[in-house]
Amino acid sequence: MTFKGSYTVCVTPFTAEGAVDLQALKSYVDWQIEEGVHGLIPLGSTGEFLSLTRDERTAVAETVIRQADGRVPVLIGTAAEWTDEAVDLSKEAETLGADGVMLVPPYYSSPTDAELVVHFTRVAEAISIPVMLYNNPFTANVDLSADLVGRLSEVDNISYIKDTSKNVHRVTELLEACQGRMTVFAGYYPWESYLAGAEGYSSVMSNIAPKLSAEMFDKTVDGSGQGRDLYVKSLPLINALAGDLYVSATKAAMKMIGRSMGDPRPPRLPLPEAKRAELEGTLRTLGFIA
């Protein structure tokens, strides 16, 4: 299976009491697929994986995989600070039927390149499904350089990377360093990244606008020339969901469009009122709310 296109990095729904809402998650998965997303990635940063218990992570992974039922690929976020735990989570994801796993580097220990090679290689060698590296230097305190990713791409099933460096030129650097062994997914700036050779978008905006995000990819790669217009249309939403409050903003936006997924778990708080007004204006301009 080849992964490409707009993949939603899924929020995790909570009830009013703060419990994981698996029924809401099932409905969300169906809606995402009906709207045309190309794939789903639960338990990433947007999915608040660090705020879930181990059992909750398992329940979310199992629910998304079962509900998707092979209609689109599902990559499970299996990041952990301890390598053995990342291995266990990744093996569990494969057993549950995941099509791949996504891992941000250990996010507190600030590992060296040598330590990162050991960490990711041990995970990759423990499973037979593809590994997507997740480069997010702003939260993981580590930047996966093109040279390092080139070394990691020599491991058989480390074959994808989500790059959230905000440096579109990094796409070119990664492709050159990996010599055809790695497929790049954009974390930001999808249209420019597609033009540079990225084949996917790990999309936060797709939680609110899955059809728009998917069409942006489709209309960029089909040669019709419409992709740029859709991207320019999407940029206010992309930017509104970026920054330190991205989880709170995404959940606030989902509530505004009538698809509430609950509030984020503490220490995150609901989006402040001053930010809500700006977000509402963006959604109104795009026609997502009246």
Protein backbone atom coordinates (compact mmCIF):
# COMPACT_ATOMS: atom_id res chain seq x y z
CA MET A 1 0.00 0.00 0.00
CA THR A 2 1.27 3.45 -0.95
CA PHE A 3 0.35 6.44 1.18
CA LYS A 4 -0.31 9.76 -0.55
CA GLY A 5 -2.84 12.57 -0.46
CA SER A 6 -4.51 14.47 2.37
CA TYR A 7 -4.36 12.52 5.64
CA THR A 8 -6.28 13.95 8.58
CA VAL A 9 -4.36 14.10 11.86
CA CYS A 10 -7.38 13.25 13.96
CA VAL A 11 -8.57 14.95 17.11
CA THR A 12 -9.58 12.71 20.01
CA PRO A 13 -13.18 13.33 21.10
CA PHE A 14 -14.04 13.70 24.78
CA THR A 15 -17.38 13.73 26.54
CA ALA A 16 -18.50 16.64 28.73
CA GLU A 17 -17.08 14.67 31.68
CA GLY A 18 -13.71 14.33 29.94
CA ALA A 19 -13.85 10.64 28.98
CA VAL A 20 -12.82 9.43 25.52
CA ASP A 21 -15.98 9.37 23.38
CA LEU A 22 -15.66 6.33 21.14
CA GLN A 23 -19.14 6.73 19.64
CA ALA A 24 -18.28 10.25 18.52
CA LEU A 25 -15.02 8.90 17.13
CA LYS A 26 -16.85 6.33 15.00
CA SER A 27 -19.14 8.99 13.56
CA TYR A 28 -16.14 11.23 12.90
CA VAL A 29 -14.32 8.49 10.99
CA ASP A 30 -17.35 7.86 8.77
CA TRP A 31 -17.75 11.58 8.08
CA GLN A 32 -14.08 12.02 7.22
CA ILE A 33 -14.17 9.14 4.74
CA GLU A 34 -17.44 10.29 3.20
CA GLU A 35 -15.88 13.72 2.67
CA GLY A 36 -13.05 12.19 0.64
CA VAL A 37 -9.98 12.11 2.88
CA HIS A 38 -7.20 9.88 1.62
CA GLY A 39 -6.12 8.59 5.04
CA LEU A 40 -6.39 9.00 8.82
CA ILE A 41 -3.72 9.47 11.48
CA PRO A 42 -5.09 9.24 15.04
CA LEU A 43 -2.97 9.72 18.17
CA GLY A 44 -0.66 12.38 16.82
CA SER A 45 -0.06 15.76 18.44
CA THR A 46 -3.51 17.02 17.42
CA GLY A 47 -4.96 13.84 18.94
CA GLU A 48 -3.52 14.73 22.37
CA PHE A 49 -1.73 11.39 22.65
CA LEU A 50 0.28 12.61 25.62
CA SER A 51 -2.95 13.24 27.52
CA LEU A 52 -4.29 9.70 27.10
CA THR A 53 -3.72 6.60 29.20
CA ARG A 54 -2.21 3.55 27.56
CA ASP A 55 -5.62 1.82 27.53
CA GLU A 56 -7.22 4.89 25.97
CA ARG A 57 -4.60 4.95 23.23
CA THR A 58 -5.37 1.33 22.45
CA ALA A 59 -9.12 2.01 22.40
CA VAL A 60 -8.73 4.98 20.03
CA ALA A 61 -6.45 3.05 17.68
CA GLU A 62 -8.74 0.02 17.61
CA THR A 63 -11.86 2.12 17.05
CA VAL A 64 -10.43 4.09 14.12
CA ILE A 65 -9.00 0.99 12.45
CA ARG A 66 -12.23 -0.98 12.80
CA GLN A 67 -14.47 1.88 11.74
CA ALA A 68 -12.35 2.72 8.70
CA ASP A 69 -12.55 -0.96 7.79
CA GLY A 70 -10.01 -0.71 4.98
CA ARG A 71 -11.75 2.18 3.23
CA VAL A 72 -8.71 4.42 3.72
CA PRO A 73 -5.27 3.76 5.21
CA VAL A 74 -4.89 4.32 8.95
CA LEU A 75 -1.52 5.21 10.48
CA ILE A 76 -1.41 5.11 14.27
CA GLY A 77 0.68 7.55 16.28
CA THR A 78 2.91 5.38 18.47
CA ALA A 79 5.39 7.91 19.83
CA ALA A 80 6.85 7.48 23.28
CA GLU A 81 9.77 8.86 25.24
CA TRP A 82 11.03 5.33 26.00
CA THR A 83 12.07 3.22 23.03
CA ASP A 84 10.66 -0.02 24.47
CA GLU A 85 7.26 1.63 24.87
CA ALA A 86 7.32 2.93 21.29
CA VAL A 87 8.14 -0.59 20.13
CA ASP A 88 5.26 -2.06 22.15
CA LEU A 89 2.79 0.54 20.88
CA SER A 90 3.89 -0.04 17.29
CA LYS A 91 3.62 -3.81 17.58
CA GLU A 92 0.16 -3.39 19.08
CA ALA A 93 -0.88 -1.09 16.21
CA GLU A 94 0.20 -3.71 13.68
CA THR A 95 -1.72 -6.41 15.56
CA LEU A 96 -4.83 -4.21 15.55
CA GLY A 97 -4.60 -3.90 11.77
CA ALA A 98 -2.97 -0.51 11.26
CA ASP A 99 -1.51 0.19 7.83
CA GLY A 100 1.43 2.07 9.30
CA VAL A 101 2.68 3.98 12.34
CA MET A 102 3.84 7.55 12.84
CA LEU A 103 6.48 8.52 15.39
CA VAL A 104 7.73 11.90 16.55
CA PRO A 105 11.17 11.66 18.21
CA PRO A 106 11.36 11.25 21.99
CA TYR A 107 10.20 14.69 23.07
CA TYR A 108 11.95 15.37 26.38
CA SER A 109 15.35 13.74 26.24
CA SER A 110 16.53 15.66 23.14
CA PRO A 111 18.32 12.59 21.75
CA THR A 112 21.43 12.78 19.60
CA ASP A 113 21.46 11.58 16.00
CA ALA A 114 23.06 8.31 17.09
CA GLU A 115 20.34 7.77 19.68
CA LEU A 116 17.62 8.61 17.15
CA VAL A 117 19.00 6.03 14.73
CA VAL A 118 18.82 3.37 17.44
CA HIS A 119 15.33 4.45 18.52
CA PHE A 120 13.69 4.49 15.08
CA THR A 121 15.56 1.42 13.83
CA ARG A 122 14.44 -0.66 16.80
CA VAL A 123 10.82 0.28 16.15
CA ALA A 124 11.06 -0.37 12.42
CA GLU A 125 12.71 -3.76 12.89
CA ALA A 126 10.01 -4.85 15.35
CA ILE A 127 7.16 -4.46 12.83
CA SER A 128 6.49 -5.15 9.17
CA ILE A 129 4.24 -2.16 8.40
CA PRO A 130 5.68 1.19 7.22
CA VAL A 131 7.03 3.78 9.62
CA MET A 132 6.35 7.48 9.07
CA LEU A 133 8.84 9.70 10.86
CA TYR A 134 7.36 12.91 12.25
CA ASN A 135 9.70 15.88 12.29
CA ASN A 136 8.32 18.60 14.55
CA PRO A 137 11.26 20.55 15.97
CA PHE A 138 8.95 23.05 17.67
CA THR A 139 7.54 20.51 20.12
CA ALA A 140 9.98 17.59 20.07
CA ASN A 141 13.10 19.74 20.68
CA VAL A 142 14.80 17.79 17.88
CA ASP A 143 15.09 18.58 14.18
CA LEU A 144 15.43 15.53 11.96
CA SER A 145 17.96 16.82 9.44
CA ALA A 146 17.92 15.69 5.83
CA ASP A 147 21.23 13.87 6.36
CA LEU A 148 19.84 11.94 9.33
CA VAL A 149 16.62 11.07 7.49
CA GLY A 150 18.72 9.87 4.56
CA ARG A 151 20.46 7.42 6.91
CA LEU A 152 17.15 6.29 8.38
CA SER A 153 15.65 5.77 4.93
CA GLU A 154 18.09 2.90 4.44
CA VAL A 155 16.07 0.93 7.03
CA ASP A 156 13.64 -1.11 4.96
CA ASN A 157 10.28 0.08 6.24
CA ILE A 158 11.15 3.63 7.31
CA SER A 159 9.73 5.03 4.12
CA TYR A 160 7.66 8.13 4.99
CA ILE A 161 8.23 11.39 6.80
CA LYS A 162 5.89 14.15 7.91
CA ASP A 163 7.96 17.32 7.94
CA THR A 164 6.66 20.17 10.06
CA SER A 165 9.82 22.29 9.94
CA LYS A 166 7.94 25.08 8.05
CA ASN A 167 10.88 25.05 5.61
CA VAL A 168 9.55 24.07 2.18
CA HIS A 169 13.10 23.71 0.87
CA ARG A 170 13.48 20.84 3.33
CA VAL A 171 11.27 18.77 0.99
CA THR A 172 13.93 19.05 -1.72
CA GLU A 173 16.71 18.30 0.75
CA LEU A 174 14.90 15.22 2.03
CA LEU A 175 14.19 13.84 -1.42
CA GLU A 176 17.81 14.33 -2.47
CA ALA A 177 19.16 12.75 0.72
CA CYS A 178 16.86 9.74 0.49
CA GLN A 179 17.28 9.03 -3.24
CA GLY A 180 13.77 7.68 -3.80
CA ARG A 181 13.55 5.74 -0.54
CA MET A 182 11.30 8.21 1.31
CA THR A 183 7.91 9.80 0.60
CA VAL A 184 7.46 13.25 2.11
CA PHE A 185 4.24 14.50 3.71
CA ALA A 186 3.92 18.21 4.39
CA GLY A 187 2.98 19.38 7.86
CA TYR A 188 2.61 23.01 6.76
CA TYR A 189 2.33 24.81 3.41
CA PRO A 190 0.97 21.85 1.43
CA TRP A 191 0.70 23.42 -2.03
CA GLU A 192 4.31 24.63 -2.14
CA SER A 193 5.39 21.29 -0.71
CA TYR A 194 3.51 19.38 -3.43
CA LEU A 195 5.30 21.42 -6.07
CA ALA A 196 8.63 20.58 -4.42
CA GLY A 197 7.86 16.86 -4.55
CA ALA A 198 5.83 16.06 -1.41
CA GLU A 199 3.16 13.45 -2.08
CA GLY A 200 0.98 14.02 0.95
CA TYR A 201 -0.28 16.46 3.55
CA SER A 202 -0.69 15.60 7.21
CA SER A 203 -3.59 17.98 7.61
CA VAL A 204 -4.92 19.66 10.75
CA MET A 205 -7.39 21.75 8.72
CA SER A 206 -8.92 18.51 7.46
CA ASN A 207 -10.58 18.07 10.85
CA ILE A 208 -12.83 20.98 9.86
CA ALA A 209 -12.62 20.91 6.06
CA PRO A 210 -11.76 17.37 4.93
CA LYS A 211 -13.22 17.80 1.45
CA LEU A 212 -11.36 21.08 0.83
CA SER A 213 -8.06 19.60 2.01
CA ALA A 214 -8.46 16.51 -0.18
CA GLU A 215 -9.49 18.55 -3.23
CA MET A 216 -6.46 20.78 -2.79
CA PHE A 217 -4.25 17.73 -3.25
CA ASP A 218 -6.29 16.26 -6.08
CA LYS A 219 -6.43 19.52 -8.03
CA THR A 220 -2.71 20.11 -7.60
CA VAL A 221 -1.56 16.73 -8.86
CA ASP A 222 -4.10 16.41 -11.69
CA GLY A 223 -2.54 19.25 -13.67
CA SER A 224 -5.77 21.27 -13.77
CA GLY A 225 -4.15 24.29 -12.15
CA GLN A 226 -6.92 24.68 -9.57
CA GLY A 227 -4.85 23.56 -6.60
CA ARG A 228 -3.32 26.96 -5.95
CA ASP A 229 -6.72 28.66 -5.77
CA LEU A 230 -7.92 26.09 -3.25
CA TYR A 231 -4.74 26.57 -1.25
CA VAL A 232 -5.12 30.35 -1.13
CA LYS A 233 -8.71 29.80 -0.01
CA SER A 234 -7.50 27.41 2.71
CA LEU A 235 -4.65 29.54 4.06
CA PRO A 236 -6.69 31.60 6.54
CA LEU A 237 -7.95 28.37 8.11
CA ILE A 238 -4.49 26.75 8.07
CA ASN A 239 -3.03 29.82 9.80
CA ALA A 240 -5.91 30.07 12.29
CA LEU A 241 -5.22 26.53 13.48
CA ALA A 242 -1.44 26.97 13.71
CA GLY A 243 0.51 28.08 16.76
CA ASP A 244 0.63 27.03 20.40
CA LEU A 245 -3.16 26.70 20.74
CA TYR A 246 -3.64 24.43 17.72
CA VAL A 247 -5.52 21.70 19.63
CA SER A 248 -7.82 24.16 21.36
CA ALA A 249 -8.40 26.04 18.09
CA THR A 250 -9.16 22.86 16.16
CA LYS A 251 -11.67 21.65 18.73
CA ALA A 252 -13.26 25.11 18.94
CA ALA A 253 -13.63 25.20 15.16
CA MET A 254 -15.22 21.76 15.12
CA LYS A 255 -17.78 22.87 17.69
CA MET A 256 -18.52 25.98 15.61
CA ILE A 257 -19.30 23.91 12.52
CA GLY A 258 -21.62 21.64 14.49
CA ARG A 259 -19.26 18.69 14.99
CA SER A 260 -18.25 19.09 18.61
CA MET A 261 -15.49 16.78 19.84
CA GLY A 262 -15.41 18.18 23.36
CA ASP A 263 -12.81 20.37 25.02
CA PRO A 264 -9.12 19.47 25.20
CA ARG A 265 -7.81 17.82 28.34
CA PRO A 266 -5.96 19.90 30.96
CA PRO A 267 -3.56 21.50 31.12
CA ARG A 268 -4.92 22.68 27.76
CA LEU A 269 -7.92 24.96 28.11
CA PRO A 270 -10.71 25.83 25.69
CA LEU A 271 -9.79 28.52 23.19
CA PRO A 272 -9.87 32.01 24.76
CA GLU A 273 -12.78 34.23 23.77
CA ALA A 274 -10.55 36.75 22.00
CA LYS A 275 -9.26 34.00 19.71
CA ARG A 276 -12.73 32.54 19.19
CA ALA A 277 -14.04 35.69 17.52
CA GLU A 278 -11.19 35.66 15.01
CA LEU A 279 -11.70 31.97 14.30
CA GLU A 280 -15.44 32.43 13.83
CA GLY A 281 -14.74 35.15 11.30
CA THR A 282 -12.45 32.85 9.33
CA LEU A 283 -15.00 30.04 9.27
CA ARG A 284 -17.77 32.46 8.28
CA THR A 285 -15.71 33.86 5.40
CA LEU A 286 -15.07 30.34 4.13
CA GLY A 287 -18.77 29.51 4.36
CA PHE A 288 -18.48 26.83 7.03
CA ILE A 289 -20.84 28.71 9.34
CA ALA A 290 -23.61 31.20 8.59
